[in-house]
Amino acid sequence: MDVSEIKWNLAACRVNAGLTQEEAAAKLHISPATIVAHERGKKNPTYAQLLAYAQIYNVPVEIINCEVRK
């Protein structure tokens, strides 16, 4: 996983889903500080967390995980 790209994808997907960091944290049952750490690239999300993000943001996990190839 490339954390530098994942952080941008996480933030973009959250905004596109119309959620604040606090709302996303509540849906994921994690702290807002964890959302901030993931979106700033300070902490690498686990694959299970990426799957959870993808579910609440309604996007394929590959979009967040930078696995989509052109």
N, C-alpha and C. Protein backbone atom coordinates (compact mmCIF):
# COMPACT_ATOMS: atom_id res chain seq x y z
N MET A 1 0.83 -1.19 0.00
CA MET A 1 0.00 0.00 0.00
C MET A 1 0.87 1.25 0.00
N ASP A 2 0.55 2.18 -0.82
CA ASP A 2 1.25 3.45 -0.85
C ASP A 2 0.47 4.44 0.01
N VAL A 3 0.97 4.67 1.22
CA VAL A 3 0.26 5.51 2.19
C VAL A 3 0.05 6.92 1.65
N SER A 4 1.00 7.44 0.89
CA SER A 4 0.85 8.82 0.39
C SER A 4 -0.36 8.95 -0.54
N GLU A 5 -0.65 7.91 -1.32
CA GLU A 5 -1.82 7.96 -2.19
C GLU A 5 -3.09 7.57 -1.45
N ILE A 6 -2.98 6.60 -0.55
CA ILE A 6 -4.15 6.16 0.20
C ILE A 6 -4.74 7.31 1.01
N LYS A 7 -3.88 8.12 1.61
CA LYS A 7 -4.40 9.21 2.45
C LYS A 7 -5.28 10.15 1.64
N TRP A 8 -4.85 10.47 0.41
CA TRP A 8 -5.65 11.36 -0.44
C TRP A 8 -6.95 10.68 -0.86
N ASN A 9 -6.86 9.40 -1.18
CA ASN A 9 -8.06 8.66 -1.59
C ASN A 9 -9.07 8.56 -0.45
N LEU A 10 -8.58 8.31 0.76
CA LEU A 10 -9.49 8.22 1.91
C LEU A 10 -10.24 9.54 2.11
N ALA A 11 -9.52 10.62 2.09
CA ALA A 11 -10.15 11.93 2.29
C ALA A 11 -11.12 12.25 1.16
N ALA A 12 -10.72 11.99 -0.08
CA ALA A 12 -11.58 12.29 -1.22
C ALA A 12 -12.85 11.45 -1.20
N CYS A 13 -12.72 10.18 -0.88
CA CYS A 13 -13.89 9.30 -0.83
C CYS A 13 -14.84 9.71 0.29
N ARG A 14 -14.28 10.12 1.42
CA ARG A 14 -15.11 10.56 2.55
C ARG A 14 -15.90 11.81 2.16
N VAL A 15 -15.21 12.78 1.58
CA VAL A 15 -15.87 14.02 1.16
C VAL A 15 -16.93 13.71 0.11
N ASN A 16 -16.60 12.85 -0.84
CA ASN A 16 -17.54 12.48 -1.90
C ASN A 16 -18.78 11.78 -1.32
N ALA A 17 -18.59 11.06 -0.22
CA ALA A 17 -19.71 10.38 0.44
C ALA A 17 -20.53 11.35 1.30
N GLY A 18 -20.05 12.58 1.42
CA GLY A 18 -20.78 13.59 2.18
C GLY A 18 -20.66 13.43 3.69
N LEU A 19 -19.55 12.86 4.14
CA LEU A 19 -19.35 12.62 5.57
C LEU A 19 -18.24 13.50 6.12
N THR A 20 -18.42 13.93 7.36
CA THR A 20 -17.34 14.59 8.08
C THR A 20 -16.45 13.50 8.68
N GLN A 21 -15.30 13.90 9.17
CA GLN A 21 -14.43 12.93 9.84
C GLN A 21 -15.13 12.33 11.05
N GLU A 22 -15.87 13.14 11.78
CA GLU A 22 -16.58 12.67 12.97
C GLU A 22 -17.67 11.67 12.59
N GLU A 23 -18.40 11.95 11.52
CA GLU A 23 -19.46 11.03 11.08
C GLU A 23 -18.88 9.71 10.61
N ALA A 24 -17.79 9.77 9.85
CA ALA A 24 -17.14 8.54 9.39
C ALA A 24 -16.63 7.73 10.58
N ALA A 25 -16.03 8.40 11.54
CA ALA A 25 -15.52 7.71 12.73
C ALA A 25 -16.65 7.01 13.48
N ALA A 26 -17.79 7.67 13.61
CA ALA A 26 -18.93 7.07 14.31
C ALA A 26 -19.43 5.83 13.57
N LYS A 27 -19.49 5.90 12.24
CA LYS A 27 -19.95 4.75 11.45
C LYS A 27 -18.97 3.58 11.54
N LEU A 28 -17.69 3.89 11.68
CA LEU A 28 -16.65 2.85 11.74
C LEU A 28 -16.34 2.39 13.16
N HIS A 29 -16.93 3.06 14.14
CA HIS A 29 -16.66 2.75 15.56
C HIS A 29 -15.18 2.90 15.90
N ILE A 30 -14.59 3.97 15.37
CA ILE A 30 -13.20 4.32 15.70
C ILE A 30 -13.18 5.80 16.09
N SER A 31 -12.07 6.24 16.61
CA SER A 31 -11.99 7.64 17.03
C SER A 31 -11.75 8.56 15.83
N PRO A 32 -12.24 9.79 15.93
CA PRO A 32 -11.93 10.76 14.87
C PRO A 32 -10.42 10.94 14.69
N ALA A 33 -9.66 10.79 15.76
CA ALA A 33 -8.20 10.91 15.66
C ALA A 33 -7.61 9.85 14.73
N THR A 34 -8.21 8.67 14.71
CA THR A 34 -7.74 7.61 13.81
C THR A 34 -8.02 7.98 12.37
N ILE A 35 -9.19 8.55 12.10
CA ILE A 35 -9.52 9.02 10.75
C ILE A 35 -8.49 10.06 10.31
N VAL A 36 -8.22 11.01 11.18
CA VAL A 36 -7.24 12.07 10.88
C VAL A 36 -5.88 11.46 10.60
N ALA A 37 -5.45 10.51 11.42
CA ALA A 37 -4.13 9.88 11.23
C ALA A 37 -4.06 9.15 9.90
N HIS A 38 -5.12 8.46 9.51
CA HIS A 38 -5.14 7.77 8.23
C HIS A 38 -5.13 8.75 7.07
N GLU A 39 -5.93 9.81 7.17
CA GLU A 39 -6.02 10.79 6.08
C GLU A 39 -4.76 11.65 5.96
N ARG A 40 -4.00 11.76 7.00
CA ARG A 40 -2.75 12.53 6.94
C ARG A 40 -1.54 11.64 6.67
N GLY A 41 -1.75 10.34 6.59
CA GLY A 41 -0.66 9.41 6.32
C GLY A 41 0.23 9.16 7.53
N LYS A 42 -0.26 9.50 8.71
CA LYS A 42 0.52 9.29 9.94
C LYS A 42 0.41 7.85 10.43
N LYS A 43 -0.68 7.19 10.06
CA LYS A 43 -0.93 5.82 10.48
C LYS A 43 -1.47 5.06 9.28
N ASN A 44 -0.95 3.87 9.05
CA ASN A 44 -1.37 3.05 7.93
C ASN A 44 -2.61 2.23 8.32
N PRO A 45 -3.72 2.36 7.61
CA PRO A 45 -4.90 1.55 7.94
C PRO A 45 -4.66 0.08 7.61
N THR A 46 -5.26 -0.79 8.40
CA THR A 46 -5.19 -2.22 8.10
C THR A 46 -6.08 -2.51 6.90
N TYR A 47 -5.92 -3.70 6.33
CA TYR A 47 -6.78 -4.05 5.20
C TYR A 47 -8.24 -4.14 5.65
N ALA A 48 -8.47 -4.63 6.86
CA ALA A 48 -9.84 -4.69 7.39
C ALA A 48 -10.43 -3.28 7.50
N GLN A 49 -9.62 -2.32 7.91
CA GLN A 49 -10.09 -0.94 8.00
C GLN A 49 -10.38 -0.39 6.60
N LEU A 50 -9.55 -0.72 5.63
CA LEU A 50 -9.79 -0.28 4.25
C LEU A 50 -11.12 -0.83 3.74
N LEU A 51 -11.40 -2.09 4.05
CA LEU A 51 -12.67 -2.69 3.64
C LEU A 51 -13.85 -1.95 4.29
N ALA A 52 -13.70 -1.60 5.56
CA ALA A 52 -14.76 -0.87 6.26
C ALA A 52 -14.95 0.52 5.66
N TYR A 53 -13.84 1.21 5.37
CA TYR A 53 -13.94 2.52 4.72
C TYR A 53 -14.68 2.38 3.39
N ALA A 54 -14.29 1.40 2.59
CA ALA A 54 -14.91 1.21 1.28
C ALA A 54 -16.41 0.99 1.41
N GLN A 55 -16.81 0.23 2.43
CA GLN A 55 -18.23 -0.05 2.62
C GLN A 55 -19.01 1.22 2.95
N ILE A 56 -18.52 2.02 3.90
CA ILE A 56 -19.30 3.21 4.27
C ILE A 56 -19.21 4.31 3.23
N TYR A 57 -18.12 4.32 2.43
CA TYR A 57 -17.99 5.32 1.37
C TYR A 57 -18.61 4.85 0.06
N ASN A 58 -19.05 3.58 0.04
CA ASN A 58 -19.70 3.00 -1.13
C ASN A 58 -18.82 3.04 -2.38
N VAL A 59 -17.57 2.61 -2.20
CA VAL A 59 -16.62 2.52 -3.32
C VAL A 59 -15.90 1.17 -3.23
N PRO A 60 -15.38 0.66 -4.34
CA PRO A 60 -14.57 -0.55 -4.27
C PRO A 60 -13.29 -0.27 -3.48
N VAL A 61 -12.85 -1.26 -2.71
CA VAL A 61 -11.64 -1.07 -1.90
C VAL A 61 -10.43 -0.75 -2.78
N GLU A 62 -10.44 -1.22 -4.02
CA GLU A 62 -9.32 -0.95 -4.92
C GLU A 62 -9.14 0.54 -5.20
N ILE A 63 -10.22 1.29 -5.14
CA ILE A 63 -10.13 2.74 -5.35
C ILE A 63 -9.32 3.37 -4.22
N ILE A 64 -9.61 2.97 -2.99
CA ILE A 64 -8.90 3.52 -1.84
C ILE A 64 -7.47 3.00 -1.81
N ASN A 65 -7.31 1.72 -2.13
CA ASN A 65 -6.02 1.05 -2.00
C ASN A 65 -5.10 1.25 -3.20
N CYS A 66 -5.49 2.09 -4.14
CA CYS A 66 -4.65 2.44 -5.30
C CYS A 66 -4.34 1.23 -6.18
N GLU A 67 -5.27 0.29 -6.28
CA GLU A 67 -5.02 -0.91 -7.07
C GLU A 67 -5.63 -0.84 -8.47
N VAL A 68 -6.35 0.22 -8.76
CA VAL A 68 -6.98 0.34 -10.07
C VAL A 68 -5.92 0.77 -11.08
N ARG A 69 -5.81 0.00 -12.14
CA ARG A 69 -4.82 0.29 -13.19
C ARG A 69 -5.54 0.76 -14.44
N LYS A 70 -4.93 1.69 -15.14
CA LYS A 70 -5.50 2.19 -16.40
C LYS A 70 -5.07 1.31 -17.54
